[in-house]
Amino acid sequence: MFSSNTRTITSWVNAAVKLLMLGSLFTLSSCLEFPNKYSQMPPGMWRGVLLLDDPALSGIKKPLDEKSLSEIRSLQINEINSDELPFLFEVIYPAPDSFFIEIINGKERIQPSRIRFGRSLATAKDTIEIHFPEYRSLIKAIVEDRAMEGVFIDSSRGSYEIPFVAKQGDNYRFTRLQKKPSADISGEWAVEFGIDSDNKWPGVGQFEQEGNELSATFTTETGDYRFLEGCVQQDKFYLSAFDGSHAFMFEGKIFGEDSIIGVFKSGDHFETYWKAVPGAQALRDPFAILEINRNVYSTQQLLQDSFGIQAREIKNSKPVVLELMGTWCPNCKDASSFLNAMQKKYPEVQFIALAFERKGLESPEKHLTSYKKLLGLNYPVFYAGPASKAYAAQKLPFVEDIASFPSFFFMDASGKLVNSYSGFYGPATKEYPDQRKALMKAIDSISKN
């Protein structure tokens, strides 16, 4: 993609004319001349920011039970601009004429699978496209003077765009300030989300604090909120994560060692308040969330009758792990990677995925083929319909409601539905190792019957 071959002026002009006729935005980067040692993007650390549309969120000066929500919203939250959702990424050159990018969220590094860089014929400026094809999203930006300006586009949500800027050389996430923390919040906290609405849901905050540095995640009964990274400044903290699909930001006000009140934002389309107290709380067992009908089902007949899928490779005489997922869902991506490893460990079991996709896919089958190739999945993934839990439950004869994507159903060799599992805890959580063992035990139970 980043050739270093020299071309003549004539061939450059011919190529440019051809690209103009095709309506392309780019010329090949090898046609450009750069005065710097690097041939394209300035290398090293960059600080990216998604510019959210909402006004600065409110702050909290007293616990929730001492102030009404209307009063809380009128207070100034913090010194840090909460219109900005920051994340770090690194531009790395393994060779002088080629580079790749790693997005950094705490211990996690994400390498986008496709990058385009070149001179825009529309603006006559260097332009980059950072693609996340598994999520049907990208960052598109002009690159100039060690800075980037553009937009994050998520086509799986329709016309969903968030302005984006970045600066090379900045290696802080929220602030360079080092204000002494008022408390160490390391450990588990029982969380209630949605306290400003009628739709409340429980969670557990898992925090690791070292001085001003803070890493965390939140687990809920549907999954987790990824690898979060940020800082503590006096009695406030800030956390964020960006993975090409989700853009999460958490802000919290610490009241000694007794409680936290905060705001959770997902992109620029959702925000809610949450509160927490020290100590873990028990979430429902993922094996007990779904109420299932333990009848006998023919896998081929189920796929055909419910989804119109004719799959000759599916054998009714073999045990089945049926996965409900969507390519737009990072928790589903974690789950599929796990099941892919299990498929190799349990070759006698059939692993089958049903993909429930968001709107805008011209060819769902083509997208799923690309998704399988990108993740290296060695089990079938069938398009099942729109990304709706209600639709999925309506199509499946053995369950009344679906609580989460992903969800799993375990059927033995006779076709009897033995068990179910709702949600998935990713590698950012403390539950991840025990969850792997529990799911392996569930697979064992059908593989031996």
Protein backbone atom coordinates (compact mmCIF):
# COMPACT_ATOMS: atom_id res chain seq x y z
CA MET A 1 0.00 0.00 0.00
CA PHE A 2 2.97 2.31 0.61
CA SER A 3 5.22 1.73 -2.46
CA SER A 4 8.58 3.50 -2.67
CA ASN A 5 8.96 3.21 -6.47
CA THR A 6 9.81 6.45 -8.29
CA ARG A 7 7.50 7.53 -11.07
CA THR A 8 8.04 10.11 -13.81
CA ILE A 9 6.05 13.33 -13.94
CA THR A 10 4.19 12.03 -16.99
CA SER A 11 3.06 8.86 -15.25
CA TRP A 12 2.06 10.87 -12.19
CA VAL A 13 -0.16 13.12 -14.30
CA ASN A 14 -1.69 10.15 -16.08
CA ALA A 15 -2.42 8.47 -12.75
CA ALA A 16 -3.94 11.66 -11.36
CA VAL A 17 -6.20 12.08 -14.38
CA LYS A 18 -7.32 8.47 -14.10
CA LEU A 19 -8.11 8.89 -10.41
CA LEU A 20 -10.07 12.04 -11.13
CA MET A 21 -12.15 10.18 -13.68
CA LEU A 22 -12.88 7.48 -11.13
CA GLY A 23 -13.84 10.05 -8.50
CA SER A 24 -11.12 8.90 -6.12
CA LEU A 25 -10.00 11.08 -3.27
CA PHE A 26 -6.44 9.86 -3.23
CA THR A 27 -3.28 9.69 -5.25
CA LEU A 28 -0.73 7.10 -4.24
CA SER A 29 1.42 8.28 -1.37
CA SER A 30 4.59 7.24 -3.21
CA CYS A 31 3.95 10.03 -5.72
CA LEU A 32 4.47 12.67 -3.05
CA GLU A 33 7.72 14.22 -1.94
CA PHE A 34 8.34 14.76 1.77
CA PRO A 35 11.16 16.86 3.24
CA ASN A 36 11.11 14.80 6.46
CA LYS A 37 12.74 11.46 7.26
CA TYR A 38 9.32 9.83 7.43
CA SER A 39 7.44 9.54 4.17
CA GLN A 40 3.85 10.02 5.32
CA MET A 41 2.35 10.48 8.82
CA PRO A 42 4.55 12.05 11.52
CA PRO A 43 5.56 9.13 13.78
CA GLY A 44 5.19 8.77 17.53
CA MET A 45 2.41 9.45 19.99
CA TRP A 46 -0.73 11.36 19.06
CA ARG A 47 -3.59 12.62 21.21
CA GLY A 48 -6.93 12.29 19.47
CA VAL A 49 -10.16 13.96 20.58
CA LEU A 50 -13.77 13.36 19.60
CA LEU A 51 -15.64 16.66 19.92
CA LEU A 52 -19.02 15.88 21.44
CA ASP A 53 -22.01 18.07 20.64
CA ASP A 54 -23.46 18.24 24.13
CA PRO A 55 -22.75 21.23 26.36
CA ALA A 56 -20.37 20.68 29.28
CA LEU A 57 -21.95 18.22 31.65
CA SER A 58 -22.90 19.19 35.15
CA GLY A 59 -20.81 18.63 38.24
CA ILE A 60 -21.77 17.42 41.64
CA LYS A 61 -20.86 19.16 44.89
CA LYS A 62 -22.98 17.06 47.25
CA PRO A 63 -24.29 13.48 47.15
CA LEU A 64 -27.39 12.86 45.09
CA ASP A 65 -29.75 12.50 48.05
CA GLU A 66 -28.88 16.04 49.17
CA LYS A 67 -29.43 17.71 45.81
CA SER A 68 -32.11 17.17 43.22
CA LEU A 69 -31.06 16.26 39.70
CA SER A 70 -32.26 19.62 38.39
CA GLU A 71 -29.93 21.37 40.84
CA ILE A 72 -27.05 19.02 39.99
CA ARG A 73 -27.35 19.83 36.30
CA SER A 74 -26.95 23.52 37.07
CA LEU A 75 -23.55 23.02 38.70
CA GLN A 76 -20.18 23.22 36.93
CA ILE A 77 -18.67 19.74 36.78
CA ASN A 78 -14.93 20.17 36.42
CA GLU A 79 -11.93 22.01 35.08
CA ILE A 80 -11.56 19.56 32.19
CA ASN A 81 -13.67 20.11 29.09
CA SER A 82 -16.22 17.31 29.04
CA ASP A 83 -17.15 18.18 25.46
CA GLU A 84 -13.94 16.31 24.55
CA LEU A 85 -13.56 12.54 24.57
CA PRO A 86 -9.79 11.89 24.35
CA PHE A 87 -7.76 8.84 23.38
CA LEU A 88 -4.13 8.12 22.47
CA PHE A 89 -2.69 6.42 19.43
CA GLU A 90 0.78 5.76 18.10
CA VAL A 91 2.05 5.97 14.52
CA ILE A 92 4.73 3.32 14.02
CA TYR A 93 7.09 2.92 11.05
CA PRO A 94 8.44 -0.65 10.70
CA ALA A 95 10.06 0.54 7.46
CA PRO A 96 10.77 4.05 6.10
CA ASP A 97 7.94 3.90 3.56
CA SER A 98 5.18 2.18 5.54
CA PHE A 99 3.43 2.73 8.86
CA PHE A 100 0.65 1.36 11.01
CA ILE A 101 -1.38 2.79 13.87
CA GLU A 102 -2.11 1.44 17.34
CA ILE A 103 -4.97 2.91 19.39
CA ILE A 104 -4.22 2.74 23.11
CA ASN A 105 -6.75 2.09 25.88
CA GLY A 106 -4.91 1.12 29.06
CA LYS A 107 -3.42 -2.34 28.52
CA GLU A 108 -5.19 -2.71 25.17
CA ARG A 109 -3.67 -1.83 21.81
CA ILE A 110 -5.92 -1.92 18.73
CA GLN A 111 -4.41 -1.96 15.26
CA PRO A 112 -6.90 -0.82 12.60
CA SER A 113 -6.81 -3.29 9.72
CA ARG A 114 -6.90 -0.79 6.86
CA ILE A 115 -5.34 2.66 6.44
CA ARG A 116 -5.33 4.89 3.37
CA PHE A 117 -3.03 7.89 3.12
CA GLY A 118 -2.46 10.29 0.24
CA ARG A 119 -3.05 13.69 -1.29
CA SER A 120 -6.71 14.64 -1.54
CA LEU A 121 -7.56 15.91 -5.01
CA ALA A 122 -10.43 17.89 -3.51
CA THR A 123 -8.36 19.82 -0.94
CA ALA A 124 -4.78 19.33 -2.25
CA LYS A 125 -3.85 18.28 1.30
CA ASP A 126 -2.61 15.04 2.82
CA THR A 127 -5.56 12.96 3.97
CA ILE A 128 -5.83 9.80 6.03
CA GLU A 129 -8.60 7.25 6.38
CA ILE A 130 -8.39 4.89 9.37
CA HIS A 131 -10.86 2.08 8.73
CA PHE A 132 -12.49 -0.32 11.20
CA PRO A 133 -14.25 -2.57 8.65
CA GLU A 134 -15.56 -4.99 11.27
CA TYR A 135 -17.63 -2.12 12.70
CA ARG A 136 -18.25 -0.31 9.37
CA SER A 137 -16.65 2.83 10.79
CA LEU A 138 -13.67 5.05 10.04
CA ILE A 139 -11.79 8.22 10.93
CA LYS A 140 -11.23 10.53 7.95
CA ALA A 141 -9.00 13.55 8.47
CA ILE A 142 -6.68 16.08 6.83
CA VAL A 143 -3.08 15.84 8.08
CA GLU A 144 -1.13 19.10 8.24
CA ASP A 145 1.68 20.45 10.44
CA ARG A 146 1.65 17.51 12.88
CA ALA A 147 -2.09 17.89 13.36
CA MET A 148 -5.22 16.15 12.11
CA GLU A 149 -8.73 17.46 11.64
CA GLY A 150 -11.67 15.47 10.38
CA VAL A 151 -14.55 13.27 11.47
CA PHE A 152 -15.34 9.88 12.97
CA ILE A 153 -18.03 8.16 10.87
CA ASP A 154 -20.05 5.15 12.02
CA SER A 155 -22.11 4.01 9.03
CA SER A 156 -23.74 1.23 11.06
CA ARG A 157 -25.70 3.97 12.86
CA GLY A 158 -26.77 5.73 9.68
CA SER A 159 -25.50 9.30 9.23
CA TYR A 160 -23.61 9.28 12.53
CA GLU A 161 -20.58 11.58 12.63
CA ILE A 162 -18.49 13.14 15.40
CA PRO A 163 -15.86 15.83 14.71
CA PHE A 164 -12.30 14.64 15.34
CA VAL A 165 -8.97 16.41 15.92
CA ALA A 166 -5.53 15.14 16.89
CA LYS A 167 -2.09 16.51 17.68
CA GLN A 168 1.25 14.75 17.38
CA GLY A 169 3.58 14.76 20.38
CA ASP A 170 0.95 14.88 23.15
CA ASN A 171 1.06 11.77 25.34
CA TYR A 172 -1.46 12.71 28.03
CA ARG A 173 -5.09 11.63 27.89
CA PHE A 174 -7.10 14.22 29.84
CA THR A 175 -4.66 16.65 31.42
CA ARG A 176 -1.03 17.24 32.38
CA LEU A 177 -2.17 18.37 35.83
CA GLN A 178 -1.09 16.27 38.80
CA LYS A 179 -3.45 17.41 41.54
CA LYS A 180 -3.17 15.21 44.63
CA PRO A 181 -6.07 12.73 44.74
CA SER A 182 -8.42 13.09 47.69
CA ALA A 183 -8.82 9.29 47.90
CA ASP A 184 -7.65 6.01 46.41
CA ILE A 185 -10.68 4.39 44.78
CA SER A 186 -8.95 1.13 43.85
CA GLY A 187 -11.18 -1.93 44.19
CA GLU A 188 -14.77 -2.77 43.40
CA TRP A 189 -17.74 -0.44 43.65
CA ALA A 190 -21.44 -1.30 43.44
CA VAL A 191 -22.89 0.90 40.69
CA GLU A 192 -26.39 1.94 39.69
CA PHE A 193 -26.68 3.47 36.21
CA GLY A 194 -29.57 5.56 34.93
CA ILE A 195 -30.36 7.26 38.22
CA ASP A 196 -31.76 10.24 36.29
CA SER A 197 -34.30 8.06 34.44
CA ASP A 198 -36.82 5.27 34.84
CA ASN A 199 -34.40 2.84 33.18
CA LYS A 200 -31.92 1.88 35.88
CA TRP A 201 -29.46 -0.98 35.64
CA PRO A 202 -26.82 -2.42 38.00
CA GLY A 203 -23.10 -2.68 37.46
CA VAL A 204 -19.76 -3.13 39.16
CA GLY A 205 -16.93 -0.62 38.82
CA GLN A 206 -13.46 -2.17 38.85
CA PHE A 207 -10.79 0.49 39.52
CA GLU A 208 -6.99 0.37 39.67
CA GLN A 209 -5.41 3.63 40.84
CA GLU A 210 -1.74 4.52 41.14
CA GLY A 211 -1.42 8.12 42.23
CA ASN A 212 -3.09 10.23 39.55
CA GLU A 213 -3.26 7.38 37.04
CA LEU A 214 -6.50 5.41 36.81
CA SER A 215 -7.57 2.39 34.79
CA ALA A 216 -10.98 0.74 35.08
CA THR A 217 -13.89 -1.02 33.56
CA PHE A 218 -17.56 -1.44 34.47
CA THR A 219 -19.33 -4.78 34.24
CA THR A 220 -23.08 -5.07 33.80
CA GLU A 221 -25.45 -7.94 33.12
CA THR A 222 -24.92 -7.46 29.38
CA GLY A 223 -21.11 -7.24 29.31
CA ASP A 224 -18.53 -4.58 30.06
CA TYR A 225 -17.44 -1.07 29.08
CA ARG A 226 -14.02 -2.02 27.72
CA PHE A 227 -10.51 -0.93 28.77
CA LEU A 228 -10.98 2.52 30.31
CA GLU A 229 -8.02 4.80 30.99
CA GLY A 230 -7.75 8.18 32.67
CA CYS A 231 -6.77 10.08 35.78
CA VAL A 232 -7.80 11.30 39.22
CA GLN A 233 -7.55 15.03 39.98
CA GLN A 234 -8.31 15.87 43.61
CA ASP A 235 -11.89 14.63 44.15
CA LYS A 236 -12.75 14.05 40.48
CA PHE A 237 -11.81 11.40 37.96
CA TYR A 238 -12.05 10.97 34.21
CA LEU A 239 -11.99 7.82 32.09
CA SER A 240 -12.37 7.15 28.37
CA ALA A 241 -12.06 4.44 25.73
CA PHE A 242 -12.30 4.41 21.94
CA ASP A 243 -12.17 1.15 19.97
CA GLY A 244 -13.52 2.10 16.54
CA SER A 245 -17.09 1.33 17.58
CA HIS A 246 -17.71 2.55 21.10
CA ALA A 247 -16.60 5.94 22.37
CA PHE A 248 -17.08 5.85 26.15
CA MET A 249 -16.40 8.55 28.74
CA PHE A 250 -16.97 8.39 32.49
CA GLU A 251 -16.64 11.32 34.88
CA GLY A 252 -16.94 10.95 38.62
CA LYS A 253 -17.06 13.05 41.77
CA ILE A 254 -15.53 11.31 44.81
CA PHE A 255 -17.11 11.87 48.24
CA GLY A 256 -14.35 10.65 50.54
CA GLU A 257 -14.33 6.87 50.70
CA ASP A 258 -18.10 6.57 50.89
CA SER A 259 -19.62 7.28 47.49
CA ILE A 260 -19.18 8.41 43.90
CA ILE A 261 -21.62 10.27 41.67
CA GLY A 262 -20.83 10.48 37.97
CA VAL A 263 -21.83 10.86 34.35
CA PHE A 264 -21.52 8.22 31.62
CA LYS A 265 -21.45 9.30 27.98
CA SER A 266 -21.51 7.04 24.92
CA GLY A 267 -20.49 9.09 21.90
CA ASP A 268 -22.63 12.17 21.47
CA HIS A 269 -25.92 10.25 21.43
CA PHE A 270 -26.32 9.02 25.01
CA GLU A 271 -25.59 10.18 28.54
CA THR A 272 -26.81 9.21 31.99
CA TYR A 273 -25.93 9.70 35.64
CA TRP A 274 -24.69 6.92 37.91
CA LYS A 275 -23.83 6.45 41.57
CA ALA A 276 -21.57 3.98 43.37
CA VAL A 277 -20.68 2.81 46.87
CA PRO A 278 -17.67 0.71 47.91
CA GLY A 279 -17.91 -3.06 47.57
CA ALA A 280 -19.01 -5.49 44.90
CA GLN A 281 -22.63 -6.37 44.27
CA ALA A 282 -23.91 -9.62 42.87
CA LEU A 283 -25.10 -9.43 39.28
CA ARG A 284 -27.36 -12.15 37.95
CA ASP A 285 -25.72 -15.39 36.86
CA PRO A 286 -25.40 -15.22 33.04
CA PHE A 287 -26.54 -18.87 32.91
CA ALA A 288 -29.79 -17.93 34.69
CA ILE A 289 -30.83 -14.70 32.92
CA LEU A 290 -32.67 -16.29 29.98
CA GLU A 291 -35.76 -18.40 30.49
CA ILE A 292 -35.48 -21.25 27.98
CA ASN A 293 -37.71 -24.05 26.79
CA ARG A 294 -35.67 -27.24 27.12
CA ASN A 295 -37.27 -29.09 24.23
CA VAL A 296 -35.57 -30.92 21.37
CA TYR A 297 -34.78 -28.89 18.25
CA SER A 298 -33.43 -29.89 14.86
CA THR A 299 -30.66 -27.40 14.11
CA GLN A 300 -31.15 -27.53 10.34
CA GLN A 301 -34.91 -27.14 10.73
CA LEU A 302 -34.48 -24.28 13.19
CA LEU A 303 -32.22 -22.35 10.81
CA GLN A 304 -34.53 -23.02 7.87
CA ASP A 305 -37.87 -22.32 9.56
CA SER A 306 -36.83 -19.30 11.61
CA PHE A 307 -34.33 -17.58 9.33
CA GLY A 308 -34.62 -19.18 5.90
CA ILE A 309 -31.05 -20.45 6.14
CA GLN A 310 -30.25 -23.63 4.24
CA ALA A 311 -27.03 -24.98 5.70
CA ARG A 312 -26.13 -28.42 4.44
CA GLU A 313 -22.91 -28.42 6.43
CA ILE A 314 -24.89 -28.42 9.70
CA LYS A 315 -25.35 -31.91 11.16
CA ASN A 316 -28.35 -32.62 13.37
CA SER A 317 -26.48 -35.44 15.10
CA LYS A 318 -23.78 -33.18 16.57
CA PRO A 319 -23.85 -30.92 19.66
CA VAL A 320 -24.29 -27.21 18.93
CA VAL A 321 -23.20 -23.93 20.48
CA LEU A 322 -25.45 -21.28 18.91
CA GLU A 323 -24.15 -17.70 19.19
CA LEU A 324 -26.34 -14.61 18.75
CA MET A 325 -24.10 -11.69 17.82
CA GLY A 326 -23.59 -8.60 15.68
CA THR A 327 -20.46 -7.35 13.93
CA TRP A 328 -21.14 -3.85 15.33
CA CYS A 329 -20.59 -5.14 18.88
CA PRO A 330 -17.06 -5.24 20.42
CA ASN A 331 -18.27 -7.60 23.18
CA CYS A 332 -19.47 -9.92 20.41
CA LYS A 333 -16.05 -9.69 18.78
CA ASP A 334 -14.45 -10.79 22.08
CA ALA A 335 -16.95 -13.63 22.36
CA SER A 336 -16.39 -14.80 18.78
CA SER A 337 -12.61 -14.87 19.30
CA PHE A 338 -13.17 -17.04 22.38
CA LEU A 339 -15.55 -19.39 20.57
CA ASN A 340 -13.09 -19.66 17.69
CA ALA A 341 -10.50 -21.05 20.10
CA MET A 342 -13.13 -23.39 21.57
CA GLN A 343 -14.02 -24.70 18.11
CA LYS A 344 -10.46 -25.92 17.74
CA LYS A 345 -10.54 -27.47 21.22
CA TYR A 346 -13.92 -29.18 20.66
CA PRO A 347 -13.98 -30.34 17.01
CA GLU A 348 -16.91 -32.66 17.82
CA VAL A 349 -19.11 -29.63 18.60
CA GLN A 350 -20.68 -27.39 15.95
CA PHE A 351 -20.28 -23.66 16.60
CA ILE A 352 -22.80 -21.57 14.68
CA ALA A 353 -23.24 -17.79 14.75
CA LEU A 354 -26.38 -15.87 13.87
CA ALA A 355 -25.54 -12.23 13.03
CA PHE A 356 -28.14 -9.55 13.74
CA GLU A 357 -26.94 -6.48 11.88
CA ARG A 358 -27.64 -2.76 11.90
CA LYS A 359 -29.15 -1.04 8.87
CA GLY A 360 -27.23 0.08 5.82
CA LEU A 361 -25.60 -3.17 4.71
CA GLU A 362 -25.97 -3.56 0.94
CA SER A 363 -24.75 -7.15 1.12
CA PRO A 364 -24.85 -8.67 4.63
CA GLU A 365 -23.39 -11.95 3.38
CA LYS A 366 -20.40 -10.18 1.80
CA HIS A 367 -19.81 -8.18 4.99
CA LEU A 368 -19.96 -11.33 7.12
CA THR A 369 -17.51 -13.10 4.81
CA SER A 370 -15.07 -10.20 5.28
CA TYR A 371 -15.68 -10.20 9.03
CA LYS A 372 -14.93 -13.92 9.27
CA LYS A 373 -11.71 -13.44 7.31
CA LEU A 374 -10.64 -10.46 9.42
CA LEU A 375 -11.12 -12.36 12.69
CA GLY A 376 -9.95 -15.69 11.28
CA LEU A 377 -13.19 -17.40 12.34
CA ASN A 378 -13.38 -21.08 11.45
CA TYR A 379 -17.10 -21.62 12.08
CA PRO A 380 -20.13 -20.45 10.03
CA VAL A 381 -21.67 -17.00 10.55
CA PHE A 382 -25.15 -16.58 9.02
CA TYR A 383 -27.08 -13.36 8.52
CA ALA A 384 -30.21 -13.58 10.70
CA GLY A 385 -31.86 -10.17 10.43
CA PRO A 386 -31.89 -6.70 12.02
CA ALA A 387 -30.03 -5.86 15.23
CA SER A 388 -33.05 -6.17 17.48
CA LYS A 389 -33.29 -8.26 20.64
CA ALA A 390 -37.06 -8.37 20.27
CA TYR A 391 -36.75 -9.61 16.68
CA ALA A 392 -34.25 -12.29 17.70
CA ALA A 393 -36.49 -13.53 20.51
CA GLN A 394 -39.49 -13.60 18.18
CA LYS A 395 -37.61 -15.80 15.72
CA LEU A 396 -36.31 -18.29 18.29
CA PRO A 397 -38.87 -20.82 19.57
CA PHE A 398 -37.05 -21.64 22.79
CA VAL A 399 -36.74 -18.23 24.51
CA GLU A 400 -39.15 -15.45 25.50
CA ASP A 401 -36.69 -12.54 25.66
CA ILE A 402 -33.12 -11.78 24.65
CA ALA A 403 -31.28 -9.61 27.16
CA SER A 404 -28.02 -9.07 25.33
CA PHE A 405 -25.89 -9.49 22.26
CA PRO A 406 -24.01 -11.77 22.48
CA SER A 407 -26.00 -14.69 23.89
CA PHE A 408 -25.30 -18.42 23.63
CA PHE A 409 -27.41 -21.58 23.55
CA PHE A 410 -26.02 -25.07 24.19
CA MET A 411 -27.73 -28.09 22.56
CA ASP A 412 -26.63 -31.70 22.92
CA ALA A 413 -26.32 -34.25 20.10
CA SER A 414 -30.02 -35.16 20.39
CA GLY A 415 -31.03 -31.52 19.81
CA LYS A 416 -32.09 -30.91 23.41
CA LEU A 417 -31.52 -27.35 24.61
CA VAL A 418 -29.39 -27.84 27.73
CA ASN A 419 -28.27 -24.35 28.76
CA SER A 420 -27.99 -20.67 27.85
CA TYR A 421 -25.60 -17.80 28.61
CA SER A 422 -26.39 -14.09 28.32
CA GLY A 423 -23.73 -11.43 27.67
CA PHE A 424 -19.95 -11.70 27.68
CA TYR A 425 -17.24 -10.23 29.91
CA GLY A 426 -14.22 -9.17 27.87
CA PRO A 427 -10.50 -9.32 28.76
CA ALA A 428 -10.70 -5.95 30.56
CA THR A 429 -12.68 -7.56 33.40
CA LYS A 430 -11.68 -9.67 36.37
CA GLU A 431 -14.49 -12.10 35.45
CA TYR A 432 -12.91 -13.03 32.13
CA PRO A 433 -10.75 -15.98 33.33
CA ASP A 434 -13.54 -17.59 35.39
CA GLN A 435 -16.03 -17.00 32.59
CA ARG A 436 -13.80 -18.95 30.18
CA LYS A 437 -13.77 -21.89 32.60
CA ALA A 438 -17.56 -21.75 33.09
CA LEU A 439 -18.23 -21.68 29.35
CA MET A 440 -15.79 -24.52 28.74
CA LYS A 441 -17.66 -26.53 31.37
CA ALA A 442 -20.93 -25.82 29.53
CA ILE A 443 -19.40 -26.99 26.26
CA ASP A 444 -18.04 -30.09 28.00
CA SER A 445 -21.55 -30.93 29.20
CA ILE A 446 -22.91 -31.18 25.64
CA SER A 447 -19.83 -32.68 23.99
CA LYS A 448 -19.93 -35.74 26.28
CA ASN A 449 -23.64 -36.45 25.91
